[in-house]
Amino acid sequence: MDESVTSTIDAPYLDGAVERPSRLVFIMGCHRSGTTFLHRLLADSGRFDFLSAYEVIAYNTVLRNRACGKEHEAKAALQAELLAEGPDRGIDHVPVDVDAPEEYGFILPGYDLFVPRLTEANRLLFDEICRKKRWLAGMDKPLLLKEPNEFYGNLNTVRRLYPEACFIINHRHPLVVLASHVDSWTSVYDEKNHYLYKLNQRYREIMDNPIERMHHRLFMHTGKAVELVLNHLVAAFDAFLAQRGMLEDDRCFSLRYEDLCAQPDAVYERLMSFLGEPARGSLAGKVSRRERVAPALIREVYARNLGRFEPYLSAMGYPAYPEGC
C-alpha cells in the first residue's frame, strides 16, 4: 500500500476538504495489559467513534461500499466468514464482531511486534484513516485510536505529531502481562488464528511459510522467547518512566487495570471526566478480572530479572508478585 496516497477504489469518495476529527483519543499500553477491554468499554459508551474490525480488514473499500450501498452485504459476508472459524478471537475469548473496535496499526504497512506503528513516514496514511472515519461518521466526533505497539517508546513522538490529541495510558502488573503475552503468541503459532490471519499481513506471511511458522512455533516454547518478550517490556517501562514527567499533564490519563476492576465506577467516572464526557450508568457486571497463574518457566525468568522491573513496580505501586499469580 502506498503510504501517502488514498487507495484507488476509495479515492473518488474522499473529498479533499474532509479533515480528520478535531479530537483524537489514543489508548496505549503493553499488549495484554487490558487495552482491548478499555477500548471496548469506551466504544460502548456511544460517545466516541472508532475503527471497527470490518473497517480495518476492508480498509481499501469502505467508502465505496458505503456510497454504493454495499456495506451491509460486505459486513455480513465478513462476519459469516469469521464465525465459520469460531465464535471468538481465539487469543482472549472476545466474541468475533465486525463492528467491534480494532487497532489502527493493522492498516499501516510493515507490522512488527514491539515496533512503534505511527511515525513521520506514515503520517499521511494515518491522517487518511482518520479522515475516512470522519467521512463515514458524517460528523466531527471524537475518535478512539488504540495501538499497543506505540507504548514501546513512541508515546512522546505521537504527542508531538498530534499536539491536540489526548492519551489514556493503561498499566497492568508486569508478570501478568508477560505470562499472557507469551501464552497468546504461543497459541497463535501452535494453531492458526483465523481472526489474526485476516488482520495482520505479517502473521499471514509467517503462517503461509511452513519453515518460518515452525521456527516461530518452536521458539515460543523456549526460555529465550520469554526473555525476548521480557526485554521488550523492560525497555517499554524504562521509556515510560523516562518520559513520565512530560506525560503527566492535562493531555494524559494513566490508570491501572487492577484499579479499574476493583473500583470500576469510580475509575470510569474519573476517566470520562478527563475526556469531558458524562459517565452514564454502572459498570457492575461488565468488569471481570481474570488472572492466570504464571507457568514455572515464566516465573523463573521473571524472578531472575526482578531487579530490572523494580523502578516500574515502585512507580506504579505494584508488589513484586501479584496476588494469585
C-alpha atoms as a PDB file:
ATOM      1  CA  MET A   1       0.000   0.000   0.000  1.00  0.00           C
ATOM      2  CA  ASP A   2       1.308   3.443  -0.895  1.00  0.00           C
ATOM      3  CA  GLU A   3       1.758   5.266   2.413  1.00  0.00           C
ATOM      4  CA  SER A   4       0.768   8.672   1.074  1.00  0.00           C
ATOM      5  CA  VAL A   5      -1.987   8.015  -1.447  1.00  0.00           C
ATOM      6  CA  THR A   6      -5.594   7.040  -0.859  1.00  0.00           C
ATOM      7  CA  SER A   7      -6.417   3.601  -2.285  1.00  0.00           C
ATOM      8  CA  THR A   8      -7.682   3.879  -5.860  1.00  0.00           C
ATOM      9  CA  ILE A   9     -11.021   2.245  -5.013  1.00  0.00           C
ATOM     10  CA  ASP A  10     -11.898   4.699  -2.244  1.00  0.00           C
ATOM     11  CA  ALA A  11     -10.089   7.754  -3.641  1.00  0.00           C
ATOM     12  CA  PRO A  12     -13.054   9.213  -5.574  1.00  0.00           C
ATOM     13  CA  TYR A  13     -15.167   9.292  -2.399  1.00  0.00           C
ATOM     14  CA  LEU A  14     -12.729  11.015  -0.047  1.00  0.00           C
ATOM     15  CA  ASP A  15     -13.161  14.707  -0.747  1.00  0.00           C
ATOM     16  CA  GLY A  16     -10.001  16.686  -0.154  1.00  0.00           C
ATOM     17  CA  ALA A  17     -11.996  19.046   2.045  1.00  0.00           C
ATOM     18  CA  VAL A  18     -12.720  16.302   4.602  1.00  0.00           C
ATOM     19  CA  GLU A  19     -10.446  16.838   7.599  1.00  0.00           C
ATOM     20  CA  ARG A  20      -9.622  14.401  10.353  1.00  0.00           C
ATOM     21  CA  PRO A  21     -11.709  14.618  13.554  1.00  0.00           C
ATOM     22  CA  SER A  22     -10.757  17.533  15.765  1.00  0.00           C
ATOM     23  CA  ARG A  23     -10.402  15.253  18.818  1.00  0.00           C
ATOM     24  CA  LEU A  24      -8.184  12.167  18.770  1.00  0.00           C
ATOM     25  CA  VAL A  25      -8.094   9.895  21.830  1.00  0.00           C
ATOM     26  CA  PHE A  26      -5.188   7.426  21.888  1.00  0.00           C
ATOM     27  CA  ILE A  27      -5.299   4.319  24.092  1.00  0.00           C
ATOM     28  CA  MET A  28      -1.822   2.994  24.811  1.00  0.00           C
ATOM     29  CA  GLY A  29      -0.332   0.249  26.953  1.00  0.00           C
ATOM     30  CA  CYS A  30       1.524  -3.037  26.578  1.00  0.00           C
ATOM     31  CA  HIS A  31      -0.144  -5.874  24.744  1.00  0.00           C
ATOM     32  CA  ARG A  32      -2.201  -7.969  27.159  1.00  0.00           C
ATOM     33  CA  SER A  33      -2.475  -5.116  29.658  1.00  0.00           C
ATOM     34  CA  GLY A  34      -6.232  -4.637  29.278  1.00  0.00           C
ATOM     35  CA  THR A  35      -6.276  -2.153  26.396  1.00  0.00           C
ATOM     36  CA  THR A  36      -8.852  -4.212  24.481  1.00  0.00           C
ATOM     37  CA  PHE A  37     -11.236  -4.132  27.432  1.00  0.00           C
ATOM     38  CA  LEU A  38     -10.737  -0.381  27.870  1.00  0.00           C
ATOM     39  CA  HIS A  39     -11.153   0.234  24.127  1.00  0.00           C
ATOM     40  CA  ARG A  40     -14.459  -1.644  24.062  1.00  0.00           C
ATOM     41  CA  LEU A  41     -15.657  -0.031  27.263  1.00  0.00           C
ATOM     42  CA  LEU A  42     -15.273   3.467  25.824  1.00  0.00           C
ATOM     43  CA  ALA A  43     -16.661   2.441  22.440  1.00  0.00           C
ATOM     44  CA  ASP A  44     -19.767   1.014  24.136  1.00  0.00           C
ATOM     45  CA  SER A  45     -20.417   4.392  25.789  1.00  0.00           C
ATOM     46  CA  GLY A  46     -21.640   5.715  22.441  1.00  0.00           C
ATOM     47  CA  ARG A  47     -19.686   8.942  22.959  1.00  0.00           C
ATOM     48  CA  PHE A  48     -16.844   8.141  20.558  1.00  0.00           C
ATOM     49  CA  ASP A  49     -16.175   6.984  17.029  1.00  0.00           C
ATOM     50  CA  PHE A  50     -13.730   4.110  16.497  1.00  0.00           C
ATOM     51  CA  LEU A  51     -12.261   1.865  13.826  1.00  0.00           C
ATOM     52  CA  SER A  52     -14.159  -1.408  13.523  1.00  0.00           C
ATOM     53  CA  ALA A  53     -12.754  -4.789  12.565  1.00  0.00           C
ATOM     54  CA  TYR A  54     -14.620  -4.521   9.263  1.00  0.00           C
ATOM     55  CA  GLU A  55     -13.084  -1.115   8.528  1.00  0.00           C
ATOM     56  CA  VAL A  56      -9.587  -2.427   9.251  1.00  0.00           C
ATOM     57  CA  ILE A  57      -9.916  -5.612   7.193  1.00  0.00           C
ATOM     58  CA  ALA A  58     -11.764  -3.973   4.276  1.00  0.00           C
ATOM     59  CA  TYR A  59      -9.968  -0.631   4.598  1.00  0.00           C
ATOM     60  CA  ASN A  60      -9.447  -0.008   0.878  1.00  0.00           C
ATOM     61  CA  THR A  61     -13.145  -0.330   0.017  1.00  0.00           C
ATOM     62  CA  VAL A  62     -15.096   1.024   2.997  1.00  0.00           C
ATOM     63  CA  LEU A  63     -16.050   4.338   1.377  1.00  0.00           C
ATOM     64  CA  ARG A  64     -17.021   2.715  -1.920  1.00  0.00           C
ATOM     65  CA  ASN A  65     -19.106   0.109  -0.085  1.00  0.00           C
ATOM     66  CA  ARG A  66     -20.954   2.794   1.872  1.00  0.00           C
ATOM     67  CA  ALA A  67     -21.504   5.055  -1.134  1.00  0.00           C
ATOM     68  CA  CYS A  68     -22.727   2.208  -3.359  1.00  0.00           C
ATOM     69  CA  GLY A  69     -24.979   0.600  -0.768  1.00  0.00           C
ATOM     70  CA  LYS A  70     -22.777  -2.479  -0.437  1.00  0.00           C
ATOM     71  CA  GLU A  71     -21.680  -2.026   3.172  1.00  0.00           C
ATOM     72  CA  HIS A  72     -24.307  -4.259   4.794  1.00  0.00           C
ATOM     73  CA  GLU A  73     -23.591  -7.061   2.343  1.00  0.00           C
ATOM     74  CA  ALA A  74     -19.820  -6.775   2.786  1.00  0.00           C
ATOM     75  CA  LYS A  75     -20.055  -6.784   6.583  1.00  0.00           C
ATOM     76  CA  ALA A  76     -22.449  -9.728   6.642  1.00  0.00           C
ATOM     77  CA  ALA A  77     -20.141 -11.756   4.397  1.00  0.00           C
ATOM     78  CA  LEU A  78     -17.106 -10.969   6.550  1.00  0.00           C
ATOM     79  CA  GLN A  79     -18.974 -11.795   9.767  1.00  0.00           C
ATOM     80  CA  ALA A  80     -20.054 -15.147   8.359  1.00  0.00           C
ATOM     81  CA  GLU A  81     -16.520 -15.887   7.208  1.00  0.00           C
ATOM     82  CA  LEU A  82     -15.051 -15.113  10.625  1.00  0.00           C
ATOM     83  CA  LEU A  83     -17.722 -17.009  12.554  1.00  0.00           C
ATOM     84  CA  ALA A  84     -17.167 -20.064  10.376  1.00  0.00           C
ATOM     85  CA  GLU A  85     -13.767 -20.403  12.042  1.00  0.00           C
ATOM     86  CA  GLY A  86     -15.027 -19.950  15.616  1.00  0.00           C
ATOM     87  CA  PRO A  87     -17.161 -17.713  17.852  1.00  0.00           C
ATOM     88  CA  ASP A  88     -14.307 -15.663  19.348  1.00  0.00           C
ATOM     89  CA  ARG A  89     -10.932 -14.138  18.506  1.00  0.00           C
ATOM     90  CA  GLY A  90      -9.074 -17.162  19.854  1.00  0.00           C
ATOM     91  CA  ILE A  91      -6.477 -15.371  21.983  1.00  0.00           C
ATOM     92  CA  ASP A  92      -8.750 -13.724  24.539  1.00  0.00           C
ATOM     93  CA  HIS A  93     -12.236 -15.239  24.180  1.00  0.00           C
ATOM     94  CA  VAL A  94     -13.575 -11.890  22.927  1.00  0.00           C
ATOM     95  CA  PRO A  95     -16.512 -12.618  20.555  1.00  0.00           C
ATOM     96  CA  VAL A  96     -15.975 -12.100  16.838  1.00  0.00           C
ATOM     97  CA  ASP A  97     -17.824  -8.986  15.712  1.00  0.00           C
ATOM     98  CA  VAL A  98     -17.108  -6.998  12.556  1.00  0.00           C
ATOM     99  CA  ASP A  99     -18.483  -3.881  14.275  1.00  0.00           C
ATOM    100  CA  ALA A 100     -16.197  -4.213  17.333  1.00  0.00           C
ATOM    101  CA  PRO A 101     -13.276  -1.812  17.908  1.00  0.00           C
ATOM    102  CA  GLU A 102      -9.935  -2.783  16.403  1.00  0.00           C
ATOM    103  CA  GLU A 103      -6.384  -1.399  16.196  1.00  0.00           C
ATOM    104  CA  TYR A 104      -5.349   1.122  13.552  1.00  0.00           C
ATOM    105  CA  GLY A 105      -1.838  -0.352  13.422  1.00  0.00           C
ATOM    106  CA  PHE A 106      -3.018  -3.260  11.280  1.00  0.00           C
ATOM    107  CA  ILE A 107      -3.721  -0.816   8.443  1.00  0.00           C
ATOM    108  CA  LEU A 108      -0.257   0.751   8.485  1.00  0.00           C
ATOM    109  CA  PRO A 109       2.399  -1.142   6.461  1.00  0.00           C
ATOM    110  CA  GLY A 110       5.299  -3.154   7.842  1.00  0.00           C
ATOM    111  CA  TYR A 111       3.776  -4.606  11.001  1.00  0.00           C
ATOM    112  CA  ASP A 112       6.315  -5.962  13.512  1.00  0.00           C
ATOM    113  CA  LEU A 113       5.648  -6.737  17.160  1.00  0.00           C
ATOM    114  CA  PHE A 114       7.103  -4.242  19.674  1.00  0.00           C
ATOM    115  CA  VAL A 115       7.858  -1.748  16.879  1.00  0.00           C
ATOM    116  CA  PRO A 116       6.029   1.611  17.055  1.00  0.00           C
ATOM    117  CA  ARG A 117       3.449   1.987  14.301  1.00  0.00           C
ATOM    118  CA  LEU A 118       2.797   5.715  13.876  1.00  0.00           C
ATOM    119  CA  THR A 119       5.787   7.607  12.505  1.00  0.00           C
ATOM    120  CA  GLU A 120       6.516  10.678  10.444  1.00  0.00           C
ATOM    121  CA  ALA A 121       6.955   8.372   7.432  1.00  0.00           C
ATOM    122  CA  ASN A 122       3.392   7.005   7.533  1.00  0.00           C
ATOM    123  CA  ARG A 123       1.643  10.034   8.985  1.00  0.00           C
ATOM    124  CA  LEU A 124      -0.185  10.818   5.728  1.00  0.00           C
ATOM    125  CA  LEU A 125      -1.736   7.354   5.705  1.00  0.00           C
ATOM    126  CA  PHE A 126      -2.695   7.663   9.359  1.00  0.00           C
ATOM    127  CA  ASP A 127      -4.328  11.020   8.609  1.00  0.00           C
ATOM    128  CA  GLU A 128      -6.209   9.344   5.771  1.00  0.00           C
ATOM    129  CA  ILE A 129      -7.505   6.711   8.220  1.00  0.00           C
ATOM    130  CA  CYS A 130      -8.826   9.474  10.471  1.00  0.00           C
ATOM    131  CA  ARG A 131     -10.337  11.375   7.546  1.00  0.00           C
ATOM    132  CA  LYS A 132     -12.123   8.235   6.324  1.00  0.00           C
ATOM    133  CA  LYS A 133     -13.623   7.766   9.763  1.00  0.00           C
ATOM    134  CA  ARG A 134     -14.955  11.327   9.754  1.00  0.00           C
ATOM    135  CA  TRP A 135     -16.415  10.771   6.275  1.00  0.00           C
ATOM    136  CA  LEU A 136     -18.163   7.617   7.472  1.00  0.00           C
ATOM    137  CA  ALA A 137     -19.380   9.269  10.687  1.00  0.00           C
ATOM    138  CA  GLY A 138     -20.797  12.246   8.808  1.00  0.00           C
ATOM    139  CA  MET A 139     -19.853  14.480  11.730  1.00  0.00           C
ATOM    140  CA  ASP A 140     -16.918  15.635  13.819  1.00  0.00           C
ATOM    141  CA  LYS A 141     -16.945  13.024  16.582  1.00  0.00           C
ATOM    142  CA  PRO A 142     -14.055  12.179  18.982  1.00  0.00           C
ATOM    143  CA  LEU A 143     -12.106   9.263  17.520  1.00  0.00           C
ATOM    144  CA  LEU A 144     -10.740   6.435  19.687  1.00  0.00           C
ATOM    145  CA  LEU A 145      -7.400   5.089  18.439  1.00  0.00           C
ATOM    146  CA  LYS A 146      -5.848   2.016  20.052  1.00  0.00           C
ATOM    147  CA  GLU A 147      -2.405   0.607  19.259  1.00  0.00           C
ATOM    148  CA  PRO A 148      -0.344  -1.206  21.931  1.00  0.00           C
ATOM    149  CA  ASN A 149       2.866  -1.012  19.890  1.00  0.00           C
ATOM    150  CA  GLU A 150       3.029   2.740  20.494  1.00  0.00           C
ATOM    151  CA  PHE A 151       3.762   2.049  24.179  1.00  0.00           C
ATOM    152  CA  TYR A 152       7.171   0.671  23.218  1.00  0.00           C
ATOM    153  CA  GLY A 153       8.951   4.007  23.242  1.00  0.00           C
ATOM    154  CA  ASN A 154       6.673   6.040  20.969  1.00  0.00           C
ATOM    155  CA  LEU A 155       4.469   7.989  23.389  1.00  0.00           C
ATOM    156  CA  ASN A 156       6.107  11.375  23.033  1.00  0.00           C
ATOM    157  CA  THR A 157       6.532  11.006  19.270  1.00  0.00           C
ATOM    158  CA  VAL A 158       2.774  10.613  18.862  1.00  0.00           C
ATOM    159  CA  ARG A 159       2.207  13.522  21.252  1.00  0.00           C
ATOM    160  CA  ARG A 160       4.487  15.674  19.111  1.00  0.00           C
ATOM    161  CA  LEU A 161       2.798  14.656  15.855  1.00  0.00           C
ATOM    162  CA  TYR A 162      -0.699  15.309  17.268  1.00  0.00           C
ATOM    163  CA  PRO A 163      -0.499  18.065  19.895  1.00  0.00           C
ATOM    164  CA  GLU A 164      -4.299  18.329  20.002  1.00  0.00           C
ATOM    165  CA  ALA A 165      -4.736  14.654  20.985  1.00  0.00           C
ATOM    166  CA  CYS A 166      -5.254  13.216  24.443  1.00  0.00           C
ATOM    167  CA  PHE A 167      -3.895   9.939  25.765  1.00  0.00           C
ATOM    168  CA  ILE A 168      -5.065   7.131  28.030  1.00  0.00           C
ATOM    169  CA  ILE A 169      -2.164   5.014  29.266  1.00  0.00           C
ATOM    170  CA  ASN A 170      -3.137   1.614  30.628  1.00  0.00           C
ATOM    171  CA  HIS A 171      -0.984  -0.341  33.081  1.00  0.00           C
ATOM    172  CA  ARG A 172      -1.068  -3.881  34.459  1.00  0.00           C
ATOM    173  CA  HIS A 173       1.298  -5.907  36.624  1.00  0.00           C
ATOM    174  CA  PRO A 174       4.353  -6.916  34.531  1.00  0.00           C
ATOM    175  CA  LEU A 175       4.267 -10.611  35.478  1.00  0.00           C
ATOM    176  CA  VAL A 176       0.646 -10.909  34.351  1.00  0.00           C
ATOM    177  CA  VAL A 177       1.433  -9.078  31.116  1.00  0.00           C
ATOM    178  CA  LEU A 178       4.499 -11.247  30.471  1.00  0.00           C
ATOM    179  CA  ALA A 179       2.651 -14.521  31.094  1.00  0.00           C
ATOM    180  CA  SER A 180      -0.344 -13.520  28.970  1.00  0.00           C
ATOM    181  CA  HIS A 181       1.889 -12.220  26.188  1.00  0.00           C
ATOM    182  CA  VAL A 182       3.873 -15.441  25.902  1.00  0.00           C
ATOM    183  CA  ASP A 183       0.740 -17.577  26.172  1.00  0.00           C
ATOM    184  CA  SER A 184      -1.135 -15.707  23.437  1.00  0.00           C
ATOM    185  CA  TRP A 185       1.719 -15.711  20.904  1.00  0.00           C
ATOM    186  CA  THR A 186       2.492 -19.344  21.620  1.00  0.00           C
ATOM    187  CA  SER A 187      -1.127 -20.235  20.903  1.00  0.00           C
ATOM    188  CA  VAL A 188      -1.316 -18.412  17.556  1.00  0.00           C
ATOM    189  CA  TYR A 189       1.739 -20.250  16.241  1.00  0.00           C
ATOM    190  CA  ASP A 190       0.651 -23.618  17.630  1.00  0.00           C
ATOM    191  CA  GLU A 191      -2.625 -23.269  15.768  1.00  0.00           C
ATOM    192  CA  LYS A 192      -3.614 -20.837  13.031  1.00  0.00           C
ATOM    193  CA  ASN A 193      -5.674 -17.960  14.395  1.00  0.00           C
ATOM    194  CA  HIS A 194      -8.090 -17.104  11.613  1.00  0.00           C
ATOM    195  CA  TYR A 195      -9.102 -13.731  13.055  1.00  0.00           C
ATOM    196  CA  LEU A 196      -5.478 -12.554  13.346  1.00  0.00           C
ATOM    197  CA  TYR A 197      -4.778 -14.010   9.904  1.00  0.00           C
ATOM    198  CA  LYS A 198      -7.375 -11.638   8.455  1.00  0.00           C
ATOM    199  CA  LEU A 199      -5.976  -8.605  10.271  1.00  0.00           C
ATOM    200  CA  ASN A 200      -2.220  -8.982  10.231  1.00  0.00           C
ATOM    201  CA  GLN A 201      -0.241  -9.211   6.991  1.00  0.00           C
ATOM    202  CA  ARG A 202       2.975 -10.203   8.764  1.00  0.00           C
ATOM    203  CA  TYR A 203       1.190 -13.049  10.557  1.00  0.00           C
ATOM    204  CA  ARG A 204      -0.181 -14.249   7.206  1.00  0.00           C
ATOM    205  CA  GLU A 205       3.322 -14.303   5.756  1.00  0.00           C
ATOM    206  CA  ILE A 206       4.601 -16.395   8.649  1.00  0.00           C
ATOM    207  CA  MET A 207       1.711 -18.851   8.645  1.00  0.00           C
ATOM    208  CA  ASP A 208       1.897 -19.278   4.852  1.00  0.00           C
ATOM    209  CA  ASN A 209       5.580 -20.239   5.095  1.00  0.00           C
ATOM    210  CA  PRO A 210       5.855 -23.708   6.720  1.00  0.00           C
ATOM    211  CA  ILE A 211       9.525 -23.281   7.658  1.00  0.00           C
ATOM    212  CA  GLU A 212       9.075 -19.837   9.194  1.00  0.00           C
ATOM    213  CA  ARG A 213       5.935 -20.949  11.023  1.00  0.00           C
ATOM    214  CA  MET A 214       7.759 -23.955  12.514  1.00  0.00           C
ATOM    215  CA  HIS A 215      10.621 -21.714  13.609  1.00  0.00           C
ATOM    216  CA  HIS A 216       8.245 -19.364  15.438  1.00  0.00           C
ATOM    217  CA  ARG A 217       6.272 -22.253  16.911  1.00  0.00           C
ATOM    218  CA  LEU A 218       9.337 -23.980  18.372  1.00  0.00           C
ATOM    219  CA  PHE A 219      10.905 -20.723  19.560  1.00  0.00           C
ATOM    220  CA  MET A 220       7.825 -19.655  21.563  1.00  0.00           C
ATOM    221  CA  HIS A 221       8.188 -22.750  23.752  1.00  0.00           C
ATOM    222  CA  THR A 222      11.689 -21.777  24.909  1.00  0.00           C
ATOM    223  CA  GLY A 223      13.093 -19.663  27.692  1.00  0.00           C
ATOM    224  CA  LYS A 224      14.693 -17.434  25.059  1.00  0.00           C
ATOM    225  CA  ALA A 225      11.239 -16.413  23.854  1.00  0.00           C
ATOM    226  CA  VAL A 226      10.240 -15.444  27.399  1.00  0.00           C
ATOM    227  CA  GLU A 227      13.449 -13.438  27.739  1.00  0.00           C
ATOM    228  CA  LEU A 228      12.819 -11.692  24.413  1.00  0.00           C
ATOM    229  CA  VAL A 229       9.333 -10.576  25.455  1.00  0.00           C
ATOM    230  CA  LEU A 230      10.614  -9.600  28.905  1.00  0.00           C
ATOM    231  CA  ASN A 231      13.382  -7.445  27.422  1.00  0.00           C
ATOM    232  CA  HIS A 232      10.866  -5.551  25.300  1.00  0.00           C
ATOM    233  CA  LEU A 233       8.630  -4.998  28.324  1.00  0.00           C
ATOM    234  CA  VAL A 234      11.511  -3.700  30.439  1.00  0.00           C
ATOM    235  CA  ALA A 235      12.558  -1.340  27.635  1.00  0.00           C
ATOM    236  CA  ALA A 236       8.975  -0.066  27.327  1.00  0.00           C
ATOM    237  CA  PHE A 237       8.647   0.514  31.068  1.00  0.00           C
ATOM    238  CA  ASP A 238      12.021   2.281  31.210  1.00  0.00           C
ATOM    239  CA  ALA A 239      10.998   4.527  28.307  1.00  0.00           C
ATOM    240  CA  PHE A 240       7.699   5.315  30.010  1.00  0.00           C
ATOM    241  CA  LEU A 241       9.439   6.253  33.279  1.00  0.00           C
ATOM    242  CA  ALA A 242      11.932   8.429  31.405  1.00  0.00           C
ATOM    243  CA  GLN A 243       9.054  10.291  29.738  1.00  0.00           C
ATOM    244  CA  ARG A 244       6.695  10.254  32.707  1.00  0.00           C
ATOM    245  CA  GLY A 245       7.391  13.821  33.772  1.00  0.00           C
ATOM    246  CA  MET A 246       6.376  15.087  30.331  1.00  0.00           C
ATOM    247  CA  LEU A 247       3.329  12.804  30.232  1.00  0.00           C
ATOM    248  CA  GLU A 248       1.774  13.969  33.485  1.00  0.00           C
ATOM    249  CA  ASP A 249      -0.302  16.843  32.152  1.00  0.00           C
ATOM    250  CA  ASP A 250      -3.888  17.566  31.142  1.00  0.00           C
ATOM    251  CA  ARG A 251      -3.459  15.553  27.933  1.00  0.00           C
ATOM    252  CA  CYS A 252      -2.734  12.236  29.662  1.00  0.00           C
ATOM    253  CA  PHE A 253      -4.693   9.941  31.950  1.00  0.00           C
ATOM    254  CA  SER A 254      -2.943   6.927  33.472  1.00  0.00           C
ATOM    255  CA  LEU A 255      -4.828   4.049  35.043  1.00  0.00           C
ATOM    256  CA  ARG A 256      -4.098   0.585  36.346  1.00  0.00           C
ATOM    257  CA  TYR A 257      -6.209  -2.275  35.045  1.00  0.00           C
ATOM    258  CA  GLU A 258      -6.370  -3.647  38.579  1.00  0.00           C
ATOM    259  CA  ASP A 259      -7.914  -0.420  39.874  1.00  0.00           C
ATOM    260  CA  LEU A 260     -10.481  -0.374  37.078  1.00  0.00           C
ATOM    261  CA  CYS A 261     -11.518  -3.901  38.055  1.00  0.00           C
ATOM    262  CA  ALA A 262     -11.574  -3.162  41.799  1.00  0.00           C
ATOM    263  CA  GLN A 263     -13.411   0.181  41.585  1.00  0.00           C
ATOM    264  CA  PRO A 264     -14.910   0.247  38.085  1.00  0.00           C
ATOM    265  CA  ASP A 265     -17.433   3.041  38.521  1.00  0.00           C
ATOM    266  CA  ALA A 266     -15.050   5.389  40.351  1.00  0.00           C
ATOM    267  CA  VAL A 267     -12.199   4.928  37.854  1.00  0.00           C
ATOM    268  CA  TYR A 268     -14.574   5.125  34.896  1.00  0.00           C
ATOM    269  CA  GLU A 269     -16.084   8.362  36.194  1.00  0.00           C
ATOM    270  CA  ARG A 270     -12.646   9.941  36.542  1.00  0.00           C
ATOM    271  CA  LEU A 271     -11.706   8.766  33.061  1.00  0.00           C
ATOM    272  CA  MET A 272     -14.852  10.143  31.434  1.00  0.00           C
ATOM    273  CA  SER A 273     -14.391  13.420  33.303  1.00  0.00           C
ATOM    274  CA  PHE A 274     -10.881  13.640  31.836  1.00  0.00           C
ATOM    275  CA  LEU A 275     -12.389  13.087  28.384  1.00  0.00           C
ATOM    276  CA  GLY A 276     -15.069  15.707  29.013  1.00  0.00           C
ATOM    277  CA  GLU A 277     -17.899  13.198  28.632  1.00  0.00           C
ATOM    278  CA  PRO A 278     -20.660  12.129  31.039  1.00  0.00           C
ATOM    279  CA  ALA A 279     -20.322   8.747  32.778  1.00  0.00           C
ATOM    280  CA  ARG A 280     -23.774   7.229  32.482  1.00  0.00           C
ATOM    281  CA  GLY A 281     -24.811   4.001  34.188  1.00  0.00           C
ATOM    282  CA  SER A 282     -22.819   1.497  36.198  1.00  0.00           C
ATOM    283  CA  LEU A 283     -20.115  -0.920  35.096  1.00  0.00           C
ATOM    284  CA  ALA A 284     -21.357  -3.560  37.526  1.00  0.00           C
ATOM    285  CA  GLY A 285     -21.347  -6.894  35.730  1.00  0.00           C
ATOM    286  CA  LYS A 286     -19.158  -5.599  32.878  1.00  0.00           C
ATOM    287  CA  VAL A 287     -15.856  -5.973  34.698  1.00  0.00           C
ATOM    288  CA  SER A 288     -14.496  -9.431  35.405  1.00  0.00           C
ATOM    289  CA  ARG A 289     -10.845  -9.678  36.387  1.00  0.00           C
ATOM    290  CA  ARG A 290      -9.179 -12.937  35.395  1.00  0.00           C
ATOM    291  CA  GLU A 291      -5.597 -13.605  36.416  1.00  0.00           C
ATOM    292  CA  ARG A 292      -3.899 -16.816  35.380  1.00  0.00           C
ATOM    293  CA  VAL A 293      -1.104 -18.424  37.387  1.00  0.00           C
ATOM    294  CA  ALA A 294       2.140 -17.826  35.511  1.00  0.00           C
ATOM    295  CA  PRO A 295       3.838 -21.055  34.365  1.00  0.00           C
ATOM    296  CA  ALA A 296       7.037 -22.092  36.144  1.00  0.00           C
ATOM    297  CA  LEU A 297       9.318 -21.136  33.232  1.00  0.00           C
ATOM    298  CA  ILE A 298       7.905 -17.621  33.069  1.00  0.00           C
ATOM    299  CA  ARG A 299       8.122 -17.172  36.865  1.00  0.00           C
ATOM    300  CA  GLU A 300      11.728 -18.358  36.745  1.00  0.00           C
ATOM    301  CA  VAL A 301      12.755 -15.881  34.035  1.00  0.00           C
ATOM    302  CA  TYR A 302      10.798 -13.096  35.745  1.00  0.00           C
ATOM    303  CA  ALA A 303      12.445 -13.818  39.105  1.00  0.00           C
ATOM    304  CA  ARG A 304      15.917 -13.624  37.573  1.00  0.00           C
ATOM    305  CA  ASN A 305      15.076 -10.197  36.141  1.00  0.00           C
ATOM    306  CA  LEU A 306      13.007  -8.831  39.013  1.00  0.00           C
ATOM    307  CA  GLY A 307      15.511  -6.073  39.728  1.00  0.00           C
ATOM    308  CA  ARG A 308      15.026  -4.685  36.224  1.00  0.00           C
ATOM    309  CA  PHE A 309      11.296  -4.288  36.911  1.00  0.00           C
ATOM    310  CA  GLU A 310      11.675  -2.647  40.323  1.00  0.00           C
ATOM    311  CA  PRO A 311      11.663   1.004  39.114  1.00  0.00           C
ATOM    312  CA  TYR A 312       8.375   0.455  37.268  1.00  0.00           C
ATOM    313  CA  LEU A 313       6.852  -1.650  40.051  1.00  0.00           C
ATOM    314  CA  SER A 314       7.690   1.042  42.581  1.00  0.00           C
ATOM    315  CA  ALA A 315       6.465   3.910  40.409  1.00  0.00           C
ATOM    316  CA  MET A 316       3.128   2.210  39.730  1.00  0.00           C
ATOM    317  CA  GLY A 317       2.614   0.873  43.265  1.00  0.00           C
ATOM    318  CA  TYR A 318       2.838  -2.803  42.361  1.00  0.00           C
ATOM    319  CA  PRO A 319       4.208  -5.571  44.617  1.00  0.00           C
ATOM    320  CA  ALA A 320       6.900  -7.848  43.227  1.00  0.00           C
ATOM    321  CA  TYR A 321       4.321 -10.570  42.644  1.00  0.00           C
ATOM    322  CA  PRO A 322       0.595 -10.028  42.100  1.00  0.00           C
ATOM    323  CA  GLU A 323      -1.821 -11.870  44.341  1.00  0.00           C
ATOM    324  CA  GLY A 324      -2.678 -15.313  42.990  1.00  0.00           C
ATOM    325  CA  CYS A 325      -0.036 -15.268  40.252  1.00  0.00           C
END
